[in-house]
PDB file of N, CA and C in Angstrom:
ATOM      1  N   MET A   1      43.217  11.002   4.774  1.00  0.00           N
ATOM      2  CA  MET A   1      42.068  10.603   3.974  1.00  0.00           C
ATOM      3  C   MET A   1      42.595   9.791   2.787  1.00  0.00           C
ATOM      4  N   HIS A   2      42.400  10.251   1.591  1.00  0.00           N
ATOM      5  CA  HIS A   2      42.749   9.486   0.399  1.00  0.00           C
ATOM      6  C   HIS A   2      43.466  10.397  -0.595  1.00  0.00           C
ATOM      7  N   LYS A   3      44.688  10.036  -0.949  1.00  0.00           N
ATOM      8  CA  LYS A   3      45.454  10.744  -1.978  1.00  0.00           C
ATOM      9  C   LYS A   3      45.482  12.266  -1.767  1.00  0.00           C
ATOM     10  N   GLY A   4      45.744  12.686  -0.542  1.00  0.00           N
ATOM     11  CA  GLY A   4      45.922  14.104  -0.280  1.00  0.00           C
ATOM     12  C   GLY A   4      44.676  14.860   0.134  1.00  0.00           C
ATOM     13  N   GLN A   5      43.511  14.274   0.000  1.00  0.00           N
ATOM     14  CA  GLN A   5      42.307  14.967   0.435  1.00  0.00           C
ATOM     15  C   GLN A   5      42.222  14.865   1.956  1.00  0.00           C
ATOM     16  N   LYS A   6      41.846  15.963   2.580  1.00  0.00           N
ATOM     17  CA  LYS A   6      41.764  15.996   4.034  1.00  0.00           C
ATOM     18  C   LYS A   6      40.365  15.682   4.549  1.00  0.00           C
ATOM     19  N   THR A   7      39.365  15.839   3.704  1.00  0.00           N
ATOM     20  CA  THR A   7      37.989  15.591   4.129  1.00  0.00           C
ATOM     21  C   THR A   7      37.264  14.766   3.080  1.00  0.00           C
ATOM     22  N   THR A   8      36.158  14.209   3.483  1.00  0.00           N
ATOM     23  CA  THR A   8      35.316  13.451   2.552  1.00  0.00           C
ATOM     24  C   THR A   8      34.806  14.368   1.442  1.00  0.00           C
ATOM     25  N   ILE A   9      34.456  15.601   1.794  1.00  0.00           N
ATOM     26  CA  ILE A   9      33.963  16.555   0.793  1.00  0.00           C
ATOM     27  C   ILE A   9      35.030  16.807  -0.268  1.00  0.00           C
ATOM     28  N   GLU A  10      36.282  16.997   0.157  1.00  0.00           N
ATOM     29  CA  GLU A  10      37.369  17.204  -0.814  1.00  0.00           C
ATOM     30  C   GLU A  10      37.501  16.010  -1.749  1.00  0.00           C
ATOM     31  N   LEU A  11      37.415  14.810  -1.209  1.00  0.00           N
ATOM     32  CA  LEU A  11      37.516  13.604  -2.019  1.00  0.00           C
ATOM     33  C   LEU A  11      36.368  13.537  -3.027  1.00  0.00           C
ATOM     34  N   LEU A  12      35.155  13.775  -2.561  1.00  0.00           N
ATOM     35  CA  LEU A  12      33.996  13.727  -3.458  1.00  0.00           C
ATOM     36  C   LEU A  12      34.074  14.808  -4.532  1.00  0.00           C
ATOM     37  N   GLU A  13      34.527  15.996  -4.153  1.00  0.00           N
ATOM     38  CA  GLU A  13      34.671  17.072  -5.142  1.00  0.00           C
ATOM     39  C   GLU A  13      35.693  16.694  -6.206  1.00  0.00           C
ATOM     40  N   LYS A  14      36.830  16.133  -5.781  1.00  0.00           N
ATOM     41  CA  LYS A  14      37.881  15.751  -6.739  1.00  0.00           C
ATOM     42  C   LYS A  14      37.374  14.695  -7.718  1.00  0.00           C
ATOM     43  N   LYS A  15      36.565  13.761  -7.225  1.00  0.00           N
ATOM     44  CA  LYS A  15      36.051  12.691  -8.071  1.00  0.00           C
ATOM     45  C   LYS A  15      34.817  13.121  -8.878  1.00  0.00           C
ATOM     46  N   GLY A  16      34.327  14.321  -8.634  1.00  0.00           N
ATOM     47  CA  GLY A  16      33.123  14.788  -9.325  1.00  0.00           C
ATOM     48  C   GLY A  16      31.890  14.024  -8.875  1.00  0.00           C
ATOM     49  N   ALA A  17      31.911  13.588  -7.611  1.00  0.00           N
ATOM     50  CA  ALA A  17      30.826  12.750  -7.103  1.00  0.00           C
ATOM     51  C   ALA A  17      29.982  13.466  -6.064  1.00  0.00           C
ATOM     52  N   LEU A  18      30.057  14.781  -6.025  1.00  0.00           N
ATOM     53  CA  LEU A  18      29.294  15.540  -5.054  1.00  0.00           C
ATOM     54  C   LEU A  18      28.173  16.251  -5.782  1.00  0.00           C
ATOM     55  N   ALA A  19      26.973  16.063  -5.318  1.00  0.00           N
ATOM     56  CA  ALA A  19      25.826  16.727  -5.921  1.00  0.00           C
ATOM     57  C   ALA A  19      25.047  17.444  -4.831  1.00  0.00           C
ATOM     58  N   VAL A  20      24.556  18.603  -5.166  1.00  0.00           N
ATOM     59  CA  VAL A  20      23.751  19.363  -4.228  1.00  0.00           C
ATOM     60  C   VAL A  20      22.344  19.424  -4.804  1.00  0.00           C
ATOM     61  N   ALA A  21      21.387  18.996  -4.004  1.00  0.00           N
ATOM     62  CA  ALA A  21      19.995  19.036  -4.442  1.00  0.00           C
ATOM     63  C   ALA A  21      19.365  20.310  -3.892  1.00  0.00           C
ATOM     64  N   PRO A  22      18.765  21.100  -4.751  1.00  0.00           N
ATOM     65  CA  PRO A  22      18.173  22.348  -4.274  1.00  0.00           C
ATOM     66  C   PRO A  22      16.988  22.086  -3.355  1.00  0.00           C
ATOM     67  N   GLY A  23      16.826  22.955  -2.396  1.00  0.00           N
ATOM     68  CA  GLY A  23      15.677  22.855  -1.500  1.00  0.00           C
ATOM     69  C   GLY A  23      14.411  23.300  -2.207  1.00  0.00           C
ATOM     70  N   THR A  24      13.336  22.658  -1.890  1.00  0.00           N
ATOM     71  CA  THR A  24      12.044  23.016  -2.471  1.00  0.00           C
ATOM     72  C   THR A  24      10.978  22.930  -1.386  1.00  0.00           C
ATOM     73  N   SER A  25       9.803  23.340  -1.736  1.00  0.00           N
ATOM     74  CA  SER A  25       8.680  23.221  -0.806  1.00  0.00           C
ATOM     75  C   SER A  25       7.897  21.934  -1.066  1.00  0.00           C
ATOM     76  N   TYR A  26       8.467  21.048  -1.883  1.00  0.00           N
ATOM     77  CA  TYR A  26       7.781  19.793  -2.211  1.00  0.00           C
ATOM     78  C   TYR A  26       7.568  18.965  -0.948  1.00  0.00           C
ATOM     79  N   ILE A  27       6.351  18.512  -0.774  1.00  0.00           N
ATOM     80  CA  ILE A  27       6.003  17.603   0.319  1.00  0.00           C
ATOM     81  C   ILE A  27       5.344  16.388  -0.316  1.00  0.00           C
ATOM     82  N   GLN A  28       5.894  15.231  -0.022  1.00  0.00           N
ATOM     83  CA  GLN A  28       5.329  14.006  -0.580  1.00  0.00           C
ATOM     84  C   GLN A  28       3.906  13.821  -0.046  1.00  0.00           C
ATOM     85  N   PRO A  29       2.968  13.556  -0.941  1.00  0.00           N
ATOM     86  CA  PRO A  29       1.589  13.392  -0.474  1.00  0.00           C
ATOM     87  C   PRO A  29       1.432  12.155   0.407  1.00  0.00           C
ATOM     88  N   LYS A  30       0.475  12.228   1.304  1.00  0.00           N
ATOM     89  CA  LYS A  30       0.189  11.086   2.169  1.00  0.00           C
ATOM     90  C   LYS A  30      -0.333   9.959   1.280  1.00  0.00           C
ATOM     91  N   GLU A  31       0.237   8.773   1.479  1.00  0.00           N
ATOM     92  CA  GLU A  31      -0.195   7.656   0.640  1.00  0.00           C
ATOM     93  C   GLU A  31      -1.445   7.018   1.230  1.00  0.00           C
ATOM     94  N   SER A  32      -2.184   6.352   0.374  1.00  0.00           N
ATOM     95  CA  SER A  32      -3.413   5.703   0.813  1.00  0.00           C
ATOM     96  C   SER A  32      -3.086   4.533   1.744  1.00  0.00           C
ATOM     97  N   SER A  33      -4.064   4.170   2.557  1.00  0.00           N
ATOM     98  CA  SER A  33      -3.841   3.095   3.527  1.00  0.00           C
ATOM     99  C   SER A  33      -3.579   1.764   2.832  1.00  0.00           C
ATOM    100  N   ASP A  34      -4.167   1.545   1.651  1.00  0.00           N
ATOM    101  CA  ASP A  34      -3.906   0.277   0.964  1.00  0.00           C
ATOM    102  C   ASP A  34      -2.468   0.196   0.452  1.00  0.00           C
ATOM    103  N   ILE A  35      -1.907   1.329   0.010  1.00  0.00           N
ATOM    104  CA  ILE A  35      -0.506   1.334  -0.418  1.00  0.00           C
ATOM    105  C   ILE A  35       0.404   1.124   0.792  1.00  0.00           C
ATOM    106  N   THR A  36       0.079   1.753   1.912  1.00  0.00           N
ATOM    107  CA  THR A  36       0.871   1.571   3.133  1.00  0.00           C
ATOM    108  C   THR A  36       0.851   0.107   3.562  1.00  0.00           C
ATOM    109  N   THR A  37      -0.298  -0.521   3.476  1.00  0.00           N
ATOM    110  CA  THR A  37      -0.427  -1.944   3.832  1.00  0.00           C
ATOM    111  C   THR A  37       0.380  -2.809   2.875  1.00  0.00           C
ATOM    112  N   LEU A  38       0.235  -2.556   1.573  1.00  0.00           N
ATOM    113  CA  LEU A  38       1.004  -3.313   0.577  1.00  0.00           C
ATOM    114  C   LEU A  38       2.504  -3.145   0.785  1.00  0.00           C
ATOM    115  N   ARG A  39       2.932  -1.918   1.076  1.00  0.00           N
ATOM    116  CA  ARG A  39       4.350  -1.651   1.292  1.00  0.00           C
ATOM    117  C   ARG A  39       4.864  -2.489   2.469  1.00  0.00           C
ATOM    118  N   GLY A  40       4.104  -2.528   3.544  1.00  0.00           N
ATOM    119  CA  GLY A  40       4.499  -3.307   4.714  1.00  0.00           C
ATOM    120  C   GLY A  40       4.556  -4.792   4.431  1.00  0.00           C
ATOM    121  N   GLN A  41       3.565  -5.305   3.696  1.00  0.00           N
ATOM    122  CA  GLN A  41       3.547  -6.725   3.347  1.00  0.00           C
ATOM    123  C   GLN A  41       4.733  -7.080   2.451  1.00  0.00           C
ATOM    124  N   CYS A  42       4.987  -6.239   1.455  1.00  0.00           N
ATOM    125  CA  CYS A  42       6.111  -6.492   0.542  1.00  0.00           C
ATOM    126  C   CYS A  42       7.432  -6.424   1.297  1.00  0.00           C
ATOM    127  N   LYS A  43       7.560  -5.438   2.190  1.00  0.00           N
ATOM    128  CA  LYS A  43       8.789  -5.306   2.962  1.00  0.00           C
ATOM    129  C   LYS A  43       9.062  -6.568   3.772  1.00  0.00           C
ATOM    130  N   ALA A  44       8.031  -7.105   4.404  1.00  0.00           N
ATOM    131  CA  ALA A  44       8.213  -8.306   5.226  1.00  0.00           C
ATOM    132  C   ALA A  44       8.715  -9.473   4.381  1.00  0.00           C
ATOM    133  N   VAL A  45       8.138  -9.658   3.204  1.00  0.00           N
ATOM    134  CA  VAL A  45       8.556 -10.744   2.316  1.00  0.00           C
ATOM    135  C   VAL A  45       9.985 -10.515   1.830  1.00  0.00           C
ATOM    136  N   ILE A  46      10.291  -9.278   1.434  1.00  0.00           N
ATOM    137  CA  ILE A  46      11.626  -8.963   0.913  1.00  0.00           C
ATOM    138  C   ILE A  46      12.687  -9.188   1.988  1.00  0.00           C
ATOM    139  N   VAL A  47      12.420  -8.740   3.192  1.00  0.00           N
ATOM    140  CA  VAL A  47      13.388  -8.923   4.281  1.00  0.00           C
ATOM    141  C   VAL A  47      13.581 -10.407   4.574  1.00  0.00           C
ATOM    142  N   ASP A  48      12.485 -11.141   4.718  1.00  0.00           N
ATOM    143  CA  ASP A  48      12.562 -12.562   5.048  1.00  0.00           C
ATOM    144  C   ASP A  48      13.305 -13.354   3.967  1.00  0.00           C
ATOM    145  N   ASP A  49      12.897 -13.164   2.723  1.00  0.00           N
ATOM    146  CA  ASP A  49      13.536 -13.927   1.641  1.00  0.00           C
ATOM    147  C   ASP A  49      14.967 -13.456   1.363  1.00  0.00           C
ATOM    148  N   SER A  50      15.263 -12.185   1.633  1.00  0.00           N
ATOM    149  CA  SER A  50      16.638 -11.708   1.469  1.00  0.00           C
ATOM    150  C   SER A  50      17.566 -12.421   2.442  1.00  0.00           C
ATOM    151  N   TRP A  51      17.121 -12.599   3.683  1.00  0.00           N
ATOM    152  CA  TRP A  51      17.937 -13.327   4.654  1.00  0.00           C
ATOM    153  C   TRP A  51      18.116 -14.786   4.227  1.00  0.00           C
ATOM    154  N   LYS A  52      17.072 -15.364   3.674  1.00  0.00           N
ATOM    155  CA  LYS A  52      17.199 -16.745   3.174  1.00  0.00           C
ATOM    156  C   LYS A  52      18.237 -16.813   2.054  1.00  0.00           C
ATOM    157  N   MET A  53      18.267 -15.788   1.214  1.00  0.00           N
ATOM    158  CA  MET A  53      19.238 -15.753   0.119  1.00  0.00           C
ATOM    159  C   MET A  53      20.650 -15.568   0.655  1.00  0.00           C
ATOM    160  N   VAL A  54      20.801 -14.715   1.679  1.00  0.00           N
ATOM    161  CA  VAL A  54      22.128 -14.484   2.268  1.00  0.00           C
ATOM    162  C   VAL A  54      22.717 -15.785   2.802  1.00  0.00           C
ATOM    163  N   PHE A  55      21.867 -16.586   3.440  1.00  0.00           N
ATOM    164  CA  PHE A  55      22.357 -17.809   4.075  1.00  0.00           C
ATOM    165  C   PHE A  55      22.058 -19.075   3.263  1.00  0.00           C
ATOM    166  N   ALA A  56      21.773 -18.909   1.985  1.00  0.00           N
ATOM    167  CA  ALA A  56      21.495 -20.064   1.128  1.00  0.00           C
ATOM    168  C   ALA A  56      22.708 -20.984   1.075  1.00  0.00           C
ATOM    169  N   ALA A  57      22.433 -22.270   1.107  1.00  0.00           N
ATOM    170  CA  ALA A  57      23.507 -23.272   1.083  1.00  0.00           C
ATOM    171  C   ALA A  57      24.148 -23.382  -0.296  1.00  0.00           C
ATOM    172  N   ASP A  58      23.362 -23.069  -1.338  1.00  0.00           N
ATOM    173  CA  ASP A  58      23.889 -23.173  -2.694  1.00  0.00           C
ATOM    174  C   ASP A  58      23.088 -22.265  -3.619  1.00  0.00           C
ATOM    175  N   GLU A  59      23.501 -22.240  -4.859  1.00  0.00           N
ATOM    176  CA  GLU A  59      22.865 -21.341  -5.825  1.00  0.00           C
ATOM    177  C   GLU A  59      21.399 -21.705  -6.063  1.00  0.00           C
ATOM    178  N   ALA A  60      21.075 -22.986  -6.031  1.00  0.00           N
ATOM    179  CA  ALA A  60      19.689 -23.415  -6.244  1.00  0.00           C
ATOM    180  C   ALA A  60      18.785 -22.887  -5.127  1.00  0.00           C
ATOM    181  N   GLU A  61      19.265 -22.960  -3.894  1.00  0.00           N
ATOM    182  CA  GLU A  61      18.474 -22.453  -2.765  1.00  0.00           C
ATOM    183  C   GLU A  61      18.322 -20.928  -2.866  1.00  0.00           C
ATOM    184  N   PHE A  62      19.391 -20.244  -3.272  1.00  0.00           N
ATOM    185  CA  PHE A  62      19.350 -18.799  -3.478  1.00  0.00           C
ATOM    186  C   PHE A  62      18.306 -18.450  -4.539  1.00  0.00           C
ATOM    187  N   ASP A  63      18.388 -19.130  -5.687  1.00  0.00           N
ATOM    188  CA  ASP A  63      17.468 -18.862  -6.792  1.00  0.00           C
ATOM    189  C   ASP A  63      16.024 -19.135  -6.397  1.00  0.00           C
ATOM    190  N   SER A  64      15.813 -20.167  -5.596  1.00  0.00           N
ATOM    191  CA  SER A  64      14.467 -20.503  -5.130  1.00  0.00           C
ATOM    192  C   SER A  64      13.902 -19.391  -4.244  1.00  0.00           C
ATOM    193  N   ALA A  65      14.720 -18.893  -3.319  1.00  0.00           N
ATOM    194  CA  ALA A  65      14.271 -17.810  -2.443  1.00  0.00           C
ATOM    195  C   ALA A  65      14.007 -16.539  -3.236  1.00  0.00           C
ATOM    196  N   LEU A  66      14.865 -16.247  -4.210  1.00  0.00           N
ATOM    197  CA  LEU A  66      14.678 -15.073  -5.060  1.00  0.00           C
ATOM    198  C   LEU A  66      13.382 -15.182  -5.846  1.00  0.00           C
ATOM    199  N   GLN A  67      13.146 -16.336  -6.435  1.00  0.00           N
ATOM    200  CA  GLN A  67      11.922 -16.530  -7.215  1.00  0.00           C
ATOM    201  C   GLN A  67      10.685 -16.414  -6.325  1.00  0.00           C
ATOM    202  N   HIS A  68      10.754 -16.987  -5.129  1.00  0.00           N
ATOM    203  CA  HIS A  68       9.638 -16.885  -4.182  1.00  0.00           C
ATOM    204  C   HIS A  68       9.362 -15.423  -3.848  1.00  0.00           C
ATOM    205  N   MET A  69      10.423 -14.662  -3.584  1.00  0.00           N
ATOM    206  CA  MET A  69      10.273 -13.247  -3.249  1.00  0.00           C
ATOM    207  C   MET A  69       9.622 -12.489  -4.405  1.00  0.00           C
ATOM    208  N   GLN A  70      10.133 -12.686  -5.598  1.00  0.00           N
ATOM    209  CA  GLN A  70       9.602 -11.970  -6.764  1.00  0.00           C
ATOM    210  C   GLN A  70       8.144 -12.344  -7.029  1.00  0.00           C
ATOM    211  N   ASP A  71       7.834 -13.627  -6.951  1.00  0.00           N
ATOM    212  CA  ASP A  71       6.459 -14.071  -7.193  1.00  0.00           C
ATOM    213  C   ASP A  71       5.504 -13.536  -6.131  1.00  0.00           C
ATOM    214  N   THR A  72       5.947 -13.580  -4.869  1.00  0.00           N
ATOM    215  CA  THR A  72       5.075 -13.175  -3.767  1.00  0.00           C
ATOM    216  C   THR A  72       4.791 -11.677  -3.797  1.00  0.00           C
ATOM    217  N   VAL A  73       5.848 -10.852  -3.929  1.00  0.00           N
ATOM    218  CA  VAL A  73       5.596  -9.407  -3.942  1.00  0.00           C
ATOM    219  C   VAL A  73       4.851  -8.995  -5.206  1.00  0.00           C
ATOM    220  N   GLY A  74       5.104  -9.702  -6.296  1.00  0.00           N
ATOM    221  CA  GLY A  74       4.338  -9.423  -7.518  1.00  0.00           C
ATOM    222  C   GLY A  74       2.867  -9.715  -7.315  1.00  0.00           C
ATOM    223  N   GLY A  75       2.570 -10.818  -6.649  1.00  0.00           N
ATOM    224  CA  GLY A  75       1.188 -11.184  -6.363  1.00  0.00           C
ATOM    225  C   GLY A  75       0.517 -10.253  -5.373  1.00  0.00           C
ATOM    226  N   LEU A  76       1.305  -9.705  -4.460  1.00  0.00           N
ATOM    227  CA  LEU A  76       0.750  -8.772  -3.475  1.00  0.00           C
ATOM    228  C   LEU A  76       0.385  -7.429  -4.100  1.00  0.00           C
ATOM    229  N   GLY A  77       1.048  -7.053  -5.170  1.00  0.00           N
ATOM    230  CA  GLY A  77       0.786  -5.774  -5.823  1.00  0.00           C
ATOM    231  C   GLY A  77       1.924  -4.776  -5.712  1.00  0.00           C
ATOM    232  N   TYR A  78       3.152  -5.291  -5.668  1.00  0.00           N
ATOM    233  CA  TYR A  78       4.323  -4.422  -5.575  1.00  0.00           C
ATOM    234  C   TYR A  78       4.345  -3.379  -6.690  1.00  0.00           C
ATOM    235  N   ASP A  79       3.813  -3.727  -7.856  1.00  0.00           N
ATOM    236  CA  ASP A  79       3.809  -2.783  -8.975  1.00  0.00           C
ATOM    237  C   ASP A  79       3.023  -1.518  -8.642  1.00  0.00           C
ATOM    238  N   ARG A  80       2.005  -1.630  -7.798  1.00  0.00           N
ATOM    239  CA  ARG A  80       1.227  -0.448  -7.383  1.00  0.00           C
ATOM    240  C   ARG A  80       2.059   0.446  -6.462  1.00  0.00           C
ATOM    241  N   VAL A  81       2.820  -0.177  -5.556  1.00  0.00           N
ATOM    242  CA  VAL A  81       3.699   0.581  -4.662  1.00  0.00           C
ATOM    243  C   VAL A  81       4.773   1.283  -5.489  1.00  0.00           C
ATOM    244  N   LEU A  82       5.366   0.560  -6.431  1.00  0.00           N
ATOM    245  CA  LEU A  82       6.396   1.127  -7.293  1.00  0.00           C
ATOM    246  C   LEU A  82       5.849   2.307  -8.095  1.00  0.00           C
ATOM    247  N   GLU A  83       4.639   2.182  -8.588  1.00  0.00           N
ATOM    248  CA  GLU A  83       4.018   3.263  -9.363  1.00  0.00           C
ATOM    249  C   GLU A  83       3.899   4.537  -8.520  1.00  0.00           C
ATOM    250  N   VAL A  84       3.457   4.390  -7.280  1.00  0.00           N
ATOM    251  CA  VAL A  84       3.345   5.541  -6.375  1.00  0.00           C
ATOM    252  C   VAL A  84       4.718   6.142  -6.108  1.00  0.00           C
ATOM    253  N   ASP A  85       5.693   5.293  -5.820  1.00  0.00           N
ATOM    254  CA  ASP A  85       7.039   5.778  -5.521  1.00  0.00           C
ATOM    255  C   ASP A  85       7.674   6.478  -6.719  1.00  0.00           C
ATOM    256  N   LEU A  86       7.482   5.944  -7.918  1.00  0.00           N
ATOM    257  CA  LEU A  86       8.030   6.577  -9.122  1.00  0.00           C
ATOM    258  C   LEU A  86       7.384   7.938  -9.374  1.00  0.00           C
ATOM    259  N   LYS A  87       6.069   8.021  -9.174  1.00  0.00           N
ATOM    260  CA  LYS A  87       5.390   9.302  -9.356  1.00  0.00           C
ATOM    261  C   LYS A  87       5.922  10.331  -8.365  1.00  0.00           C
ATOM    262  N   ASN A  88       6.077   9.930  -7.104  1.00  0.00           N
ATOM    263  CA  ASN A  88       6.600  10.856  -6.103  1.00  0.00           C
ATOM    264  C   ASN A  88       8.020  11.297  -6.439  1.00  0.00           C
ATOM    265  N   ALA A  89       8.849  10.373  -6.900  1.00  0.00           N
ATOM    266  CA  ALA A  89      10.228  10.713  -7.263  1.00  0.00           C
ATOM    267  C   ALA A  89      10.255  11.679  -8.445  1.00  0.00           C
ATOM    268  N   LYS A  90       9.400  11.449  -9.436  1.00  0.00           N
ATOM    269  CA  LYS A  90       9.336  12.342 -10.592  1.00  0.00           C
ATOM    270  C   LYS A  90       8.839  13.727 -10.189  1.00  0.00           C
ATOM    271  N   ASP A  91       7.838  13.773  -9.305  1.00  0.00           N
ATOM    272  CA  ASP A  91       7.324  15.062  -8.833  1.00  0.00           C
ATOM    273  C   ASP A  91       8.394  15.818  -8.046  1.00  0.00           C
ATOM    274  N   ARG A  92       9.159  15.112  -7.210  1.00  0.00           N
ATOM    275  CA  ARG A  92      10.232  15.739  -6.437  1.00  0.00           C
ATOM    276  C   ARG A  92      11.315  16.266  -7.385  1.00  0.00           C
ATOM    277  N   ALA A  93      11.669  15.474  -8.397  1.00  0.00           N
ATOM    278  CA  ALA A  93      12.685  15.893  -9.363  1.00  0.00           C
ATOM    279  C   ALA A  93      12.211  17.126 -10.141  1.00  0.00           C
ATOM    280  N   ALA A  94      10.941  17.165 -10.491  1.00  0.00           N
ATOM    281  CA  ALA A  94      10.394  18.314 -11.214  1.00  0.00           C
ATOM    282  C   ALA A  94      10.439  19.564 -10.335  1.00  0.00           C
ATOM    283  N   ALA A  95      10.138  19.409  -9.056  1.00  0.00           N
ATOM    284  CA  ALA A  95      10.195  20.552  -8.134  1.00  0.00           C
ATOM    285  C   ALA A  95      11.625  21.053  -8.004  1.00  0.00           C
ATOM    286  N   ARG A  96      12.588  20.148  -7.951  1.00  0.00           N
ATOM    287  CA  ARG A  96      13.993  20.554  -7.873  1.00  0.00           C
ATOM    288  C   ARG A  96      14.425  21.274  -9.147  1.00  0.00           C
ATOM    289  N   LYS A  97      13.980  20.758 -10.296  1.00  0.00           N
ATOM    290  CA  LYS A  97      14.337  21.406 -11.566  1.00  0.00           C
ATOM    291  C   LYS A  97      13.747  22.808 -11.620  1.00  0.00           C
ATOM    292  N   THR A  98      12.505  22.944 -11.183  1.00  0.00           N
ATOM    293  CA  THR A  98      11.864  24.255 -11.154  1.00  0.00           C
ATOM    294  C   THR A  98      12.643  25.211 -10.253  1.00  0.00           C
ATOM    295  N   ALA A  99      13.077  24.722  -9.089  1.00  0.00           N
ATOM    296  CA  ALA A  99      13.852  25.553  -8.167  1.00  0.00           C
ATOM    297  C   ALA A  99      15.172  25.975  -8.805  1.00  0.00           C
ATOM    298  N   MET A 100      15.840  25.054  -9.492  1.00  0.00           N
ATOM    299  CA  MET A 100      17.104  25.387 -10.153  1.00  0.00           C
ATOM    300  C   MET A 100      16.892  26.389 -11.282  1.00  0.00           C
ATOM    301  N   ASP A 101      15.830  26.175 -12.070  1.00  0.00           N
ATOM    302  CA  ASP A 101      15.536  27.098 -13.166  1.00  0.00           C
ATOM    303  C   ASP A 101      15.265  28.504 -12.621  1.00  0.00           C
ATOM    304  N   GLU A 102      14.516  28.568 -11.528  1.00  0.00           N
ATOM    305  CA  GLU A 102      14.197  29.870 -10.911  1.00  0.00           C
ATOM    306  C   GLU A 102      15.480  30.530 -10.376  1.00  0.00           C
ATOM    307  N   TYR A 103      16.330  29.735  -9.745  1.00  0.00           N
ATOM    308  CA  TYR A 103      17.609  30.255  -9.224  1.00  0.00           C
ATOM    309  C   TYR A 103      18.471  30.789 -10.366  1.00  0.00           C
ATOM    310  N   ASN A 104      18.556  30.012 -11.452  1.00  0.00           N
ATOM    311  CA  ASN A 104      19.375  30.427 -12.594  1.00  0.00           C
ATOM    312  C   ASN A 104      18.829  31.681 -13.258  1.00  0.00           C
ATOM    313  N   ARG A 105      17.509  31.826 -13.323  1.00  0.00           N
ATOM    314  CA  ARG A 105      16.902  33.040 -13.898  1.00  0.00           C
ATOM    315  C   ARG A 105      17.268  34.257 -13.061  1.00  0.00           C
ATOM    316  N   ARG A 106      17.231  34.099 -11.738  1.00  0.00           N
ATOM    317  CA  ARG A 106      17.538  35.221 -10.849  1.00  0.00           C
ATOM    318  C   ARG A 106      19.031  35.557 -10.852  1.00  0.00           C
ATOM    319  N   SER A 107      19.869  34.545 -11.105  1.00  0.00           N
ATOM    320  CA  SER A 107      21.315  34.748 -11.065  1.00  0.00           C
ATOM    321  C   SER A 107      21.843  35.437 -12.315  1.00  0.00           C
ATOM    322  N   ASN A 108      21.109  35.329 -13.413  1.00  0.00           N
ATOM    323  CA  ASN A 108      21.601  35.879 -14.682  1.00  0.00           C
ATOM    324  C   ASN A 108      21.184  37.273 -14.885  1.00  0.00           C
TER     325      ASN A 108
END
């Protein structure tokens, strides 16, 4: 492996890069059909313009594709998708914190 570690877990532990997320009963709520539609539309634009950026002939072509992607997904309503995703991530993090707090209370 790397510098004496025999497994990936050993390497991650040595580097302090291993994190364990507590299990919870959190279930992400079903998103509305309009958010699902927006997510799909934004994904298509992001994938298409990302490939254009990968194969851009020069920096100007790259910047043009990037600007097109940002303008298009912004116009589609990407901020609404992001808002839903951030709320879900915060709710999941809160559930994990609650689980850890409960575990620590029982352990002490």
